[in-house]
């Protein structure tokens, strides 16, 4: 679509010139092309919310399934589990859990408030023995049989890490167009399908990410 002179005069200012400059640099300083790229980036960011939603909910519920089994329904108060969490580095899972559990009355509320990175960290190798060994293929029943337990756990962790970076850029209204977005969507779709093939087909039916990927200006 072509933007009017008035749109080109005001919209970049509304978005802010420094923000718009990222798109201009990718479009040889052509304002029409830059605004079209911005609009596409906006539409694709919105479209990705659907598969990201299903993926994040599915992953955290997969972890909760194991938490309920290993540490019982009040896992968020279990001192053994709490002590198993690291409390160092830029992100501290133990502190995150303790802080959330102080103000949330139930495990369900805790689940809703914990950061996505908490669930990513549950696929670290420190949790393999007690948590995932002999169980990860049951929790992700449609994952490839060619991946052994360690490989599957590592693959899930690494994919969530990349997906979380995409999710955070969308949440902070940052450009996602420089990413390999087809690869990002494949990661999201595969993880959903490994957990629940029916949920994956549902997402496939209602999403428009794949269409938008073919329409990049």
N, C-alpha and C. Protein backbone atom coordinates (compact mmCIF):
# COMPACT_ATOMS: atom_id res chain seq x y z
N UNK A 1 0.84 -1.19 0.00
CA UNK A 1 0.00 0.00 0.00
C UNK A 1 0.87 1.24 0.00
N UNK A 2 0.35 2.33 -0.53
CA UNK A 2 1.07 3.59 -0.53
C UNK A 2 0.54 4.47 0.59
N UNK A 3 1.45 5.12 1.28
CA UNK A 3 1.08 6.03 2.36
C UNK A 3 0.99 7.44 1.83
N UNK A 4 0.06 8.22 2.39
CA UNK A 4 -0.13 9.60 1.93
C UNK A 4 0.99 10.49 2.44
N UNK A 5 1.07 11.66 1.84
CA UNK A 5 2.09 12.64 2.27
C UNK A 5 1.89 12.99 3.74
N UNK A 6 0.62 13.17 4.15
CA UNK A 6 0.35 13.50 5.54
C UNK A 6 0.75 12.37 6.48
N UNK A 7 0.49 11.13 6.09
CA UNK A 7 0.88 9.99 6.93
C UNK A 7 2.40 9.93 7.07
N UNK A 8 3.10 10.13 5.97
CA UNK A 8 4.57 10.09 6.01
C UNK A 8 5.14 11.25 6.82
N UNK A 9 4.39 12.34 6.89
CA UNK A 9 4.87 13.51 7.63
C UNK A 9 4.70 13.35 9.14
N UNK A 10 3.65 12.60 9.56
CA UNK A 10 3.35 12.56 11.00
C UNK A 10 3.65 11.23 11.69
N UNK A 11 3.38 10.12 11.00
CA UNK A 11 3.50 8.82 11.67
C UNK A 11 4.92 8.55 12.16
N UNK A 12 5.96 8.81 11.37
CA UNK A 12 7.32 8.59 11.89
C UNK A 12 7.61 9.38 13.16
N UNK A 13 7.06 10.59 13.25
CA UNK A 13 7.26 11.39 14.47
C UNK A 13 6.52 10.77 15.65
N UNK A 14 5.31 10.27 15.40
CA UNK A 14 4.56 9.61 16.46
C UNK A 14 5.30 8.38 16.96
N UNK A 15 5.88 7.64 16.04
CA UNK A 15 6.64 6.44 16.41
C UNK A 15 7.97 6.79 17.06
N UNK A 16 8.47 7.97 16.76
CA UNK A 16 9.76 8.56 17.15
C UNK A 16 10.79 8.32 16.05
N UNK A 17 11.52 9.36 15.75
CA UNK A 17 12.50 9.29 14.67
C UNK A 17 13.60 8.26 14.94
N UNK A 18 14.13 8.16 16.17
CA UNK A 18 15.14 7.12 16.40
C UNK A 18 14.61 5.71 16.14
N UNK A 19 13.37 5.45 16.56
CA UNK A 19 12.77 4.13 16.30
C UNK A 19 12.59 3.91 14.80
N UNK A 20 12.06 4.91 14.11
CA UNK A 20 11.80 4.79 12.69
C UNK A 20 13.09 4.66 11.88
N UNK A 21 14.17 5.21 12.43
CA UNK A 21 15.46 5.17 11.72
C UNK A 21 15.93 3.74 11.47
N UNK A 22 15.61 2.83 12.37
CA UNK A 22 15.98 1.43 12.18
C UNK A 22 15.39 0.88 10.89
N UNK A 23 14.17 1.26 10.60
CA UNK A 23 13.48 0.79 9.40
C UNK A 23 13.99 1.53 8.16
N UNK A 24 14.26 2.82 8.32
CA UNK A 24 14.81 3.58 7.21
C UNK A 24 16.15 3.00 6.74
N UNK A 25 16.99 2.63 7.70
CA UNK A 25 18.30 2.08 7.34
C UNK A 25 18.16 0.78 6.55
N UNK A 26 17.12 0.05 6.84
CA UNK A 26 16.91 -1.22 6.13
C UNK A 26 16.22 -1.04 4.78
N UNK A 27 15.79 0.20 4.51
CA UNK A 27 15.05 0.47 3.27
C UNK A 27 15.68 1.59 2.45
N UNK A 28 17.00 1.71 2.56
CA UNK A 28 17.74 2.71 1.78
C UNK A 28 17.17 4.11 1.95
N UNK A 29 16.71 4.41 3.19
CA UNK A 29 16.16 5.72 3.54
C UNK A 29 14.92 6.11 2.73
N UNK A 30 14.18 5.11 2.30
CA UNK A 30 12.92 5.37 1.59
C UNK A 30 11.78 5.33 2.61
N UNK A 31 11.16 6.47 2.91
CA UNK A 31 10.12 6.50 3.94
C UNK A 31 8.92 5.60 3.63
N UNK A 32 8.52 5.53 2.36
CA UNK A 32 7.39 4.66 1.99
C UNK A 32 7.71 3.21 2.34
N UNK A 33 8.85 2.75 1.92
CA UNK A 33 9.24 1.37 2.16
C UNK A 33 9.45 1.12 3.66
N UNK A 34 10.00 2.12 4.35
CA UNK A 34 10.27 1.96 5.78
C UNK A 34 8.97 1.84 6.57
N UNK A 35 7.98 2.65 6.21
CA UNK A 35 6.70 2.58 6.93
C UNK A 35 5.97 1.28 6.58
N UNK A 36 6.11 0.82 5.36
CA UNK A 36 5.52 -0.47 4.99
C UNK A 36 6.17 -1.60 5.78
N UNK A 37 7.48 -1.53 5.96
CA UNK A 37 8.19 -2.54 6.75
C UNK A 37 7.77 -2.47 8.21
N UNK A 38 7.60 -1.26 8.72
CA UNK A 38 7.15 -1.09 10.10
C UNK A 38 5.76 -1.72 10.28
N UNK A 39 4.88 -1.46 9.32
CA UNK A 39 3.52 -2.00 9.41
C UNK A 39 3.55 -3.53 9.36
N UNK A 40 4.37 -4.09 8.50
CA UNK A 40 4.49 -5.55 8.40
C UNK A 40 5.05 -6.13 9.70
N UNK A 41 6.07 -5.46 10.25
CA UNK A 41 6.65 -5.90 11.52
C UNK A 41 5.59 -5.88 12.63
N UNK A 42 4.75 -4.86 12.61
CA UNK A 42 3.67 -4.72 13.59
C UNK A 42 2.65 -5.84 13.43
N UNK A 43 2.23 -6.08 12.20
CA UNK A 43 1.23 -7.12 11.95
C UNK A 43 1.76 -8.51 12.30
N UNK A 44 3.02 -8.77 11.96
CA UNK A 44 3.59 -10.08 12.26
C UNK A 44 3.78 -10.27 13.76
N UNK A 45 4.18 -9.20 14.45
CA UNK A 45 4.32 -9.28 15.91
C UNK A 45 2.99 -9.65 16.54
N UNK A 46 1.92 -9.02 16.06
CA UNK A 46 0.58 -9.32 16.59
C UNK A 46 0.20 -10.77 16.26
N UNK A 47 0.48 -11.22 15.06
CA UNK A 47 0.12 -12.57 14.64
C UNK A 47 0.85 -13.63 15.45
N UNK A 48 2.08 -13.36 15.82
CA UNK A 48 2.88 -14.33 16.57
C UNK A 48 2.37 -14.54 17.99
N UNK A 49 1.56 -13.62 18.48
CA UNK A 49 1.03 -13.76 19.84
C UNK A 49 0.23 -15.06 19.99
N UNK A 50 -0.48 -15.46 18.96
CA UNK A 50 -1.30 -16.68 19.06
C UNK A 50 -0.44 -17.92 19.30
N UNK A 51 0.52 -18.24 18.43
CA UNK A 51 1.35 -19.42 18.72
C UNK A 51 2.21 -19.27 19.97
N UNK A 52 2.67 -18.05 20.25
CA UNK A 52 3.45 -17.84 21.47
C UNK A 52 2.62 -18.10 22.71
N UNK A 53 1.38 -17.68 22.68
CA UNK A 53 0.47 -17.91 23.81
C UNK A 53 0.33 -19.42 24.08
N UNK A 54 0.02 -20.17 23.04
CA UNK A 54 -0.19 -21.61 23.22
C UNK A 54 1.09 -22.29 23.65
N UNK A 55 2.21 -21.86 23.08
CA UNK A 55 3.50 -22.45 23.44
C UNK A 55 3.83 -22.20 24.91
N UNK A 56 3.74 -20.95 25.35
CA UNK A 56 4.12 -20.63 26.73
C UNK A 56 3.22 -21.34 27.73
N UNK A 57 1.92 -21.32 27.50
CA UNK A 57 1.00 -22.01 28.40
C UNK A 57 1.30 -23.51 28.42
N UNK A 58 1.54 -24.07 27.24
CA UNK A 58 1.81 -25.50 27.15
C UNK A 58 3.10 -25.91 27.84
N UNK A 59 4.14 -25.10 27.68
CA UNK A 59 5.43 -25.43 28.30
C UNK A 59 5.34 -25.35 29.81
N UNK A 60 4.75 -24.28 30.32
CA UNK A 60 4.71 -24.17 31.78
C UNK A 60 3.81 -25.25 32.39
N UNK A 61 2.74 -25.64 31.71
CA UNK A 61 1.90 -26.71 32.23
C UNK A 61 2.60 -28.06 32.15
N UNK A 62 3.45 -28.23 31.14
CA UNK A 62 4.24 -29.46 31.06
C UNK A 62 5.18 -29.57 32.26
N UNK A 63 5.80 -28.46 32.62
CA UNK A 63 6.70 -28.46 33.79
C UNK A 63 5.89 -28.68 35.07
N UNK A 64 4.74 -28.03 35.17
CA UNK A 64 3.90 -28.19 36.36
C UNK A 64 3.45 -29.64 36.52
N UNK A 65 3.21 -30.32 35.41
CA UNK A 65 2.84 -31.74 35.49
C UNK A 65 3.90 -32.53 36.24
N UNK A 66 5.18 -32.24 35.95
CA UNK A 66 6.26 -32.93 36.66
C UNK A 66 6.41 -32.41 38.09
N UNK A 67 6.24 -31.11 38.28
CA UNK A 67 6.33 -30.55 39.64
C UNK A 67 5.30 -31.18 40.56
N UNK A 68 4.07 -31.33 40.07
CA UNK A 68 3.02 -31.95 40.88
C UNK A 68 3.36 -33.39 41.23
N UNK A 69 3.99 -34.09 40.31
CA UNK A 69 4.35 -35.49 40.54
C UNK A 69 5.52 -35.63 41.51
N UNK A 70 6.55 -34.83 41.30
CA UNK A 70 7.78 -34.97 42.09
C UNK A 70 7.65 -34.31 43.46
N UNK A 71 7.03 -33.12 43.52
CA UNK A 71 7.01 -32.33 44.75
C UNK A 71 5.61 -32.12 45.32
N UNK A 72 4.60 -32.73 44.70
CA UNK A 72 3.21 -32.62 45.14
C UNK A 72 2.62 -31.25 44.79
N UNK A 73 1.34 -31.07 45.09
CA UNK A 73 0.61 -29.91 44.60
C UNK A 73 1.11 -28.59 45.17
N UNK A 74 1.69 -28.61 46.36
CA UNK A 74 2.25 -27.37 46.94
C UNK A 74 3.75 -27.28 46.66
N UNK A 75 4.15 -27.62 45.44
CA UNK A 75 5.56 -27.62 45.05
C UNK A 75 6.23 -26.26 45.26
N UNK A 76 5.43 -25.20 45.16
CA UNK A 76 6.01 -23.86 45.29
C UNK A 76 6.45 -23.57 46.73
N UNK A 77 6.03 -24.40 47.68
CA UNK A 77 6.42 -24.25 49.08
C UNK A 77 7.39 -25.35 49.53
N UNK A 78 7.69 -26.29 48.65
CA UNK A 78 8.53 -27.42 48.99
C UNK A 78 9.99 -26.98 49.10
N UNK A 79 10.56 -27.14 50.30
CA UNK A 79 11.91 -26.64 50.53
C UNK A 79 12.96 -27.39 49.71
N UNK A 80 12.72 -28.67 49.46
CA UNK A 80 13.64 -29.42 48.62
C UNK A 80 13.71 -28.85 47.21
N UNK A 81 12.53 -28.53 46.67
CA UNK A 81 12.51 -27.94 45.33
C UNK A 81 13.12 -26.55 45.35
N UNK A 82 12.77 -25.76 46.33
CA UNK A 82 13.30 -24.40 46.41
C UNK A 82 14.82 -24.42 46.49
N UNK A 83 15.37 -25.32 47.29
CA UNK A 83 16.84 -25.41 47.42
C UNK A 83 17.50 -25.91 46.13
N UNK A 84 16.73 -26.62 45.29
CA UNK A 84 17.31 -27.12 44.05
C UNK A 84 17.48 -26.02 43.00
N UNK A 85 16.86 -24.88 43.23
CA UNK A 85 16.92 -23.79 42.26
C UNK A 85 18.15 -22.92 42.50
N UNK A 86 18.83 -22.52 41.44
CA UNK A 86 19.99 -21.63 41.62
C UNK A 86 19.54 -20.24 42.05
N UNK A 87 20.44 -19.54 42.71
CA UNK A 87 20.14 -18.18 43.17
C UNK A 87 21.31 -17.25 42.88
N UNK A 88 21.83 -17.38 41.67
CA UNK A 88 22.95 -16.54 41.25
C UNK A 88 22.78 -16.22 39.77
N UNK A 89 23.55 -15.28 39.28
CA UNK A 89 23.45 -14.87 37.89
C UNK A 89 22.46 -13.73 37.69
N UNK A 90 22.26 -13.35 36.44
CA UNK A 90 21.36 -12.24 36.13
C UNK A 90 19.93 -12.57 36.50
N UNK A 91 19.53 -13.81 36.29
CA UNK A 91 18.19 -14.25 36.68
C UNK A 91 18.33 -15.30 37.76
N UNK A 92 17.59 -15.13 38.87
CA UNK A 92 17.68 -16.01 40.01
C UNK A 92 16.34 -16.73 40.20
N UNK A 93 16.23 -17.96 39.72
CA UNK A 93 14.95 -18.68 39.83
C UNK A 93 14.45 -18.83 41.26
N UNK A 94 15.35 -19.09 42.20
CA UNK A 94 14.91 -19.27 43.59
C UNK A 94 14.29 -17.98 44.13
N UNK A 95 14.94 -16.88 43.91
CA UNK A 95 14.40 -15.60 44.38
C UNK A 95 13.08 -15.27 43.70
N UNK A 96 13.01 -15.55 42.40
CA UNK A 96 11.77 -15.29 41.67
C UNK A 96 10.62 -16.08 42.28
N UNK A 97 10.85 -17.37 42.53
CA UNK A 97 9.79 -18.21 43.10
C UNK A 97 9.42 -17.75 44.50
N UNK A 98 10.40 -17.47 45.34
CA UNK A 98 10.12 -17.04 46.71
C UNK A 98 9.34 -15.73 46.73
N UNK A 99 9.73 -14.80 45.88
CA UNK A 99 9.05 -13.49 45.85
C UNK A 99 7.61 -13.62 45.37
N UNK A 100 7.39 -14.46 44.36
CA UNK A 100 6.03 -14.64 43.85
C UNK A 100 5.18 -15.38 44.88
N UNK A 101 5.75 -16.43 45.49
CA UNK A 101 5.00 -17.24 46.46
C UNK A 101 4.60 -16.45 47.71
N UNK A 102 5.33 -15.38 48.02
CA UNK A 102 4.99 -14.55 49.17
C UNK A 102 3.65 -13.85 49.02
N UNK A 103 3.32 -13.53 47.77
CA UNK A 103 2.13 -12.70 47.55
C UNK A 103 1.00 -13.44 46.83
N UNK A 104 1.28 -14.62 46.29
CA UNK A 104 0.25 -15.38 45.59
C UNK A 104 -0.19 -16.56 46.45
N UNK A 105 -1.50 -16.75 46.63
CA UNK A 105 -2.00 -17.71 47.61
C UNK A 105 -1.98 -19.17 47.16
N UNK A 106 -1.93 -19.43 45.86
CA UNK A 106 -2.03 -20.80 45.38
C UNK A 106 -0.96 -21.09 44.34
N UNK A 107 -0.72 -22.38 44.11
CA UNK A 107 0.26 -22.78 43.10
C UNK A 107 -0.16 -22.25 41.71
N UNK A 108 -1.46 -22.29 41.42
CA UNK A 108 -1.94 -21.80 40.14
C UNK A 108 -1.62 -20.33 39.92
N UNK A 109 -1.78 -19.54 40.97
CA UNK A 109 -1.45 -18.11 40.87
C UNK A 109 0.06 -17.91 40.71
N UNK A 110 0.83 -18.75 41.37
CA UNK A 110 2.30 -18.68 41.24
C UNK A 110 2.70 -18.96 39.80
N UNK A 111 2.11 -20.00 39.23
CA UNK A 111 2.41 -20.36 37.84
C UNK A 111 2.17 -19.18 36.91
N UNK A 112 1.07 -18.49 37.10
CA UNK A 112 0.70 -17.39 36.22
C UNK A 112 1.65 -16.20 36.34
N UNK A 113 2.29 -16.06 37.50
CA UNK A 113 3.12 -14.88 37.75
C UNK A 113 4.61 -15.10 37.50
N UNK A 114 5.06 -16.34 37.48
CA UNK A 114 6.48 -16.58 37.26
C UNK A 114 6.88 -16.18 35.84
N UNK A 115 8.10 -15.71 35.69
CA UNK A 115 8.60 -15.28 34.40
C UNK A 115 8.79 -16.48 33.47
N UNK A 116 8.71 -16.23 32.18
CA UNK A 116 8.89 -17.29 31.19
C UNK A 116 10.27 -17.94 31.34
N UNK A 117 11.26 -17.15 31.73
CA UNK A 117 12.61 -17.68 31.88
C UNK A 117 12.67 -18.73 32.98
N UNK A 118 11.78 -18.66 33.97
CA UNK A 118 11.74 -19.68 35.02
C UNK A 118 11.49 -21.05 34.41
N UNK A 119 10.54 -21.13 33.48
CA UNK A 119 10.20 -22.40 32.85
C UNK A 119 11.32 -22.86 31.93
N UNK A 120 11.95 -21.92 31.27
CA UNK A 120 13.13 -22.26 30.45
C UNK A 120 14.21 -22.92 31.31
N UNK A 121 14.48 -22.33 32.47
CA UNK A 121 15.55 -22.84 33.34
C UNK A 121 15.24 -24.22 33.90
N UNK A 122 13.97 -24.60 33.91
CA UNK A 122 13.62 -25.94 34.39
C UNK A 122 14.09 -27.03 33.44
N UNK A 123 14.58 -26.64 32.26
CA UNK A 123 15.13 -27.61 31.32
C UNK A 123 16.65 -27.62 31.34
N UNK A 124 17.26 -26.95 32.33
CA UNK A 124 18.70 -27.03 32.52
C UNK A 124 19.09 -28.43 32.97
N UNK A 125 20.35 -28.78 32.76
CA UNK A 125 20.80 -30.14 33.09
C UNK A 125 20.74 -30.43 34.58
N UNK A 126 20.76 -29.40 35.44
CA UNK A 126 20.70 -29.62 36.88
C UNK A 126 19.39 -30.33 37.28
N UNK A 127 18.36 -30.20 36.48
CA UNK A 127 17.07 -30.81 36.80
C UNK A 127 16.87 -32.15 36.09
N UNK A 128 17.86 -32.61 35.36
CA UNK A 128 17.64 -33.79 34.52
C UNK A 128 17.35 -35.04 35.35
N UNK A 129 18.18 -35.32 36.34
CA UNK A 129 18.10 -36.58 37.06
C UNK A 129 16.77 -36.83 37.74
N UNK A 130 16.39 -35.93 38.63
CA UNK A 130 15.17 -36.13 39.42
C UNK A 130 13.92 -35.74 38.65
N UNK A 131 14.10 -34.91 37.65
CA UNK A 131 12.92 -34.28 37.04
C UNK A 131 12.55 -34.89 35.68
N UNK A 132 13.54 -35.01 34.80
CA UNK A 132 13.22 -35.39 33.42
C UNK A 132 13.63 -36.82 33.06
N UNK A 133 14.59 -37.39 33.76
CA UNK A 133 15.05 -38.73 33.42
C UNK A 133 13.89 -39.73 33.49
N UNK A 134 13.74 -40.49 32.41
CA UNK A 134 12.68 -41.50 32.27
C UNK A 134 11.28 -40.90 32.14
N UNK A 135 11.19 -39.57 31.98
CA UNK A 135 9.86 -38.95 31.94
C UNK A 135 9.67 -37.96 30.78
N UNK A 136 10.75 -37.41 30.25
CA UNK A 136 10.60 -36.30 29.31
C UNK A 136 9.87 -36.72 28.04
N UNK A 137 10.07 -37.96 27.59
CA UNK A 137 9.36 -38.41 26.39
C UNK A 137 7.88 -38.65 26.67
N UNK A 138 7.54 -38.91 27.91
CA UNK A 138 6.12 -39.04 28.25
C UNK A 138 5.45 -37.68 28.30
N UNK A 139 6.16 -36.68 28.83
CA UNK A 139 5.61 -35.32 28.90
C UNK A 139 5.51 -34.70 27.51
N UNK A 140 6.46 -35.06 26.64
CA UNK A 140 6.44 -34.59 25.24
C UNK A 140 6.34 -35.82 24.33
N UNK A 141 5.15 -36.43 24.29
CA UNK A 141 5.01 -37.75 23.66
C UNK A 141 5.22 -37.77 22.15
N UNK A 142 5.18 -36.61 21.50
CA UNK A 142 5.32 -36.57 20.04
C UNK A 142 6.68 -36.04 19.61
N UNK A 143 7.60 -35.91 20.55
CA UNK A 143 8.96 -35.50 20.21
C UNK A 143 9.66 -36.61 19.42
N UNK A 144 10.63 -36.26 18.60
CA UNK A 144 11.30 -37.28 17.78
C UNK A 144 11.99 -38.35 18.64
N UNK A 145 11.78 -39.60 18.29
CA UNK A 145 12.43 -40.70 18.99
C UNK A 145 13.94 -40.73 18.73
N UNK A 146 14.36 -40.00 17.70
CA UNK A 146 15.79 -39.96 17.39
C UNK A 146 16.58 -39.16 18.43
N UNK A 147 15.89 -38.37 19.25
CA UNK A 147 16.55 -37.60 20.30
C UNK A 147 16.46 -38.38 21.60
N UNK A 148 17.62 -38.62 22.23
CA UNK A 148 17.58 -39.27 23.55
C UNK A 148 17.14 -38.24 24.60
N UNK A 149 17.02 -38.67 25.83
CA UNK A 149 16.48 -37.78 26.87
C UNK A 149 17.30 -36.51 27.04
N UNK A 150 18.62 -36.65 27.07
CA UNK A 150 19.48 -35.47 27.24
C UNK A 150 19.35 -34.54 26.03
N UNK A 151 19.37 -35.11 24.85
CA UNK A 151 19.27 -34.30 23.64
C UNK A 151 17.93 -33.58 23.56
N UNK A 152 16.86 -34.28 23.94
CA UNK A 152 15.54 -33.66 23.89
C UNK A 152 15.44 -32.51 24.88
N UNK A 153 15.91 -32.74 26.10
CA UNK A 153 15.86 -31.68 27.11
C UNK A 153 16.67 -30.48 26.65
N UNK A 154 17.86 -30.71 26.13
CA UNK A 154 18.71 -29.61 25.67
C UNK A 154 18.08 -28.87 24.48
N UNK A 155 17.47 -29.63 23.59
CA UNK A 155 16.83 -29.01 22.43
C UNK A 155 15.66 -28.14 22.87
N UNK A 156 14.86 -28.64 23.81
CA UNK A 156 13.73 -27.84 24.31
C UNK A 156 14.23 -26.58 24.99
N UNK A 157 15.26 -26.73 25.81
CA UNK A 157 15.83 -25.55 26.49
C UNK A 157 16.31 -24.52 25.48
N UNK A 158 17.09 -24.96 24.50
CA UNK A 158 17.67 -24.02 23.54
C UNK A 158 16.59 -23.36 22.68
N UNK A 159 15.58 -24.12 22.31
CA UNK A 159 14.49 -23.54 21.52
C UNK A 159 13.70 -22.51 22.33
N UNK A 160 13.43 -22.82 23.59
CA UNK A 160 12.72 -21.86 24.44
C UNK A 160 13.55 -20.59 24.61
N UNK A 161 14.86 -20.75 24.76
CA UNK A 161 15.74 -19.58 24.89
C UNK A 161 15.58 -18.65 23.69
N UNK A 162 15.60 -19.20 22.48
CA UNK A 162 15.44 -18.37 21.28
C UNK A 162 14.04 -17.79 21.19
N UNK A 163 13.05 -18.59 21.51
CA UNK A 163 11.66 -18.13 21.46
C UNK A 163 11.43 -17.01 22.47
N UNK A 164 12.04 -17.13 23.63
CA UNK A 164 11.88 -16.09 24.66
C UNK A 164 12.46 -14.76 24.19
N UNK A 165 13.58 -14.81 23.46
CA UNK A 165 14.15 -13.57 22.93
C UNK A 165 13.18 -12.91 21.95
N UNK A 166 12.56 -13.72 21.11
CA UNK A 166 11.55 -13.19 20.18
C UNK A 166 10.38 -12.61 20.95
N UNK A 167 9.88 -13.37 21.91
CA UNK A 167 8.74 -12.93 22.72
C UNK A 167 9.02 -11.60 23.40
N UNK A 168 10.22 -11.46 23.95
CA UNK A 168 10.56 -10.23 24.66
C UNK A 168 10.66 -9.04 23.72
N UNK A 169 11.15 -9.26 22.52
CA UNK A 169 11.21 -8.16 21.55
C UNK A 169 9.80 -7.71 21.18
N UNK A 170 8.91 -8.67 21.00
CA UNK A 170 7.53 -8.31 20.69
C UNK A 170 6.90 -7.56 21.87
N UNK A 171 7.13 -8.06 23.09
CA UNK A 171 6.53 -7.44 24.27
C UNK A 171 7.03 -6.01 24.47
N UNK A 172 8.25 -5.73 24.04
CA UNK A 172 8.82 -4.39 24.21
C UNK A 172 8.73 -3.56 22.92
N UNK A 173 7.94 -4.05 21.97
CA UNK A 173 7.65 -3.31 20.73
C UNK A 173 8.92 -3.02 19.93
N UNK A 174 9.82 -3.99 19.92
CA UNK A 174 11.08 -3.85 19.19
C UNK A 174 10.98 -4.50 17.82
N UNK A 175 11.87 -4.12 16.89
CA UNK A 175 11.85 -4.74 15.56
C UNK A 175 12.16 -6.24 15.65
N UNK A 176 11.39 -7.03 14.93
CA UNK A 176 11.69 -8.46 14.83
C UNK A 176 12.08 -8.84 13.40
N UNK A 177 11.96 -7.91 12.46
CA UNK A 177 12.20 -8.26 11.06
C UNK A 177 13.62 -8.74 10.77
N UNK A 178 14.66 -8.34 11.55
CA UNK A 178 15.99 -8.88 11.23
C UNK A 178 16.17 -10.35 11.60
N UNK A 179 15.27 -10.93 12.39
CA UNK A 179 15.40 -12.31 12.82
C UNK A 179 15.03 -13.28 11.70
N UNK A 180 15.43 -14.53 11.88
CA UNK A 180 15.02 -15.61 10.97
C UNK A 180 13.64 -16.07 11.44
N UNK A 181 12.63 -15.35 11.02
CA UNK A 181 11.29 -15.53 11.59
C UNK A 181 10.64 -16.85 11.18
N UNK A 182 10.99 -17.35 10.01
CA UNK A 182 10.49 -18.66 9.63
C UNK A 182 11.02 -19.74 10.56
N UNK A 183 12.28 -19.63 10.92
CA UNK A 183 12.88 -20.57 11.88
C UNK A 183 12.24 -20.42 13.25
N UNK A 184 11.99 -19.17 13.65
CA UNK A 184 11.33 -18.92 14.94
C UNK A 184 9.96 -19.60 14.98
N UNK A 185 9.19 -19.44 13.92
CA UNK A 185 7.85 -20.04 13.92
C UNK A 185 7.94 -21.56 13.93
N UNK A 186 8.89 -22.11 13.20
CA UNK A 186 9.06 -23.57 13.19
C UNK A 186 9.38 -24.08 14.59
N UNK A 187 10.24 -23.37 15.32
CA UNK A 187 10.56 -23.77 16.70
C UNK A 187 9.30 -23.78 17.56
N UNK A 188 8.52 -22.71 17.46
CA UNK A 188 7.30 -22.60 18.27
C UNK A 188 6.34 -23.75 17.93
N UNK A 189 6.11 -23.95 16.64
CA UNK A 189 5.16 -24.96 16.20
C UNK A 189 5.61 -26.36 16.61
N UNK A 190 6.89 -26.64 16.46
CA UNK A 190 7.40 -27.97 16.82
C UNK A 190 7.23 -28.25 18.31
N UNK A 191 7.57 -27.27 19.15
CA UNK A 191 7.43 -27.49 20.58
C UNK A 191 5.97 -27.73 20.97
N UNK A 192 5.07 -26.97 20.38
CA UNK A 192 3.64 -27.21 20.65
C UNK A 192 3.27 -28.62 20.22
N UNK A 193 3.72 -29.02 19.04
CA UNK A 193 3.33 -30.33 18.50
C UNK A 193 3.93 -31.47 19.30
N UNK A 194 5.13 -31.29 19.85
CA UNK A 194 5.75 -32.35 20.66
C UNK A 194 4.94 -32.61 21.92
N UNK A 195 4.32 -31.59 22.43
CA UNK A 195 3.48 -31.72 23.63
C UNK A 195 2.07 -32.21 23.28
N UNK A 196 1.49 -31.63 22.21
CA UNK A 196 0.09 -31.94 21.89
C UNK A 196 -0.12 -31.73 20.39
N UNK A 197 -0.22 -32.81 19.65
CA UNK A 197 -0.37 -32.72 18.20
C UNK A 197 -1.67 -32.02 17.82
N UNK A 198 -2.73 -32.22 18.59
CA UNK A 198 -4.00 -31.56 18.29
C UNK A 198 -3.92 -30.06 18.50
N UNK A 199 -3.23 -29.63 19.56
CA UNK A 199 -3.05 -28.19 19.79
C UNK A 199 -2.25 -27.57 18.65
N UNK A 200 -1.27 -28.29 18.14
CA UNK A 200 -0.46 -27.78 17.04
C UNK A 200 -1.31 -27.58 15.79
N UNK A 201 -2.18 -28.53 15.51
CA UNK A 201 -3.06 -28.40 14.34
C UNK A 201 -4.06 -27.27 14.52
N UNK A 202 -4.51 -27.07 15.73
CA UNK A 202 -5.40 -25.94 16.04
C UNK A 202 -4.69 -24.62 15.75
N UNK A 203 -3.46 -24.49 16.25
CA UNK A 203 -2.68 -23.28 16.01
C UNK A 203 -2.47 -23.09 14.51
N UNK A 204 -2.13 -24.16 13.83
CA UNK A 204 -1.90 -24.08 12.38
C UNK A 204 -3.13 -23.56 11.67
N UNK A 205 -4.29 -23.95 12.14
CA UNK A 205 -5.55 -23.56 11.51
C UNK A 205 -5.90 -22.09 11.75
N UNK A 206 -5.55 -21.56 12.91
CA UNK A 206 -6.00 -20.21 13.25
C UNK A 206 -4.94 -19.13 13.08
N UNK A 207 -3.69 -19.53 12.89
CA UNK A 207 -2.62 -18.53 12.78
C UNK A 207 -2.55 -17.96 11.36
N UNK A 208 -1.97 -16.74 11.23
CA UNK A 208 -1.70 -16.20 9.90
C UNK A 208 -0.25 -15.76 9.77
N UNK A 209 0.60 -16.33 10.63
CA UNK A 209 2.03 -16.01 10.58
C UNK A 209 2.62 -16.44 9.25
N UNK A 210 2.33 -17.67 8.83
CA UNK A 210 2.94 -18.18 7.61
C UNK A 210 2.54 -17.37 6.38
N UNK A 211 1.31 -16.87 6.37
CA UNK A 211 0.89 -16.01 5.26
C UNK A 211 1.66 -14.70 5.28
N UNK A 212 1.75 -14.08 6.44
CA UNK A 212 2.46 -12.81 6.55
C UNK A 212 3.93 -12.94 6.18
N UNK A 213 4.52 -14.08 6.48
CA UNK A 213 5.94 -14.28 6.15
C UNK A 213 6.17 -14.20 4.64
N UNK A 214 5.15 -14.51 3.86
CA UNK A 214 5.29 -14.44 2.41
C UNK A 214 5.02 -13.04 1.87
N UNK A 215 4.61 -12.13 2.75
CA UNK A 215 4.17 -10.80 2.30
C UNK A 215 5.11 -9.69 2.77
N UNK A 216 6.32 -10.04 3.15
CA UNK A 216 7.25 -9.01 3.62
C UNK A 216 7.51 -8.00 2.50
N UNK A 217 7.36 -6.72 2.77
CA UNK A 217 7.56 -5.69 1.74
C UNK A 217 9.05 -5.55 1.37
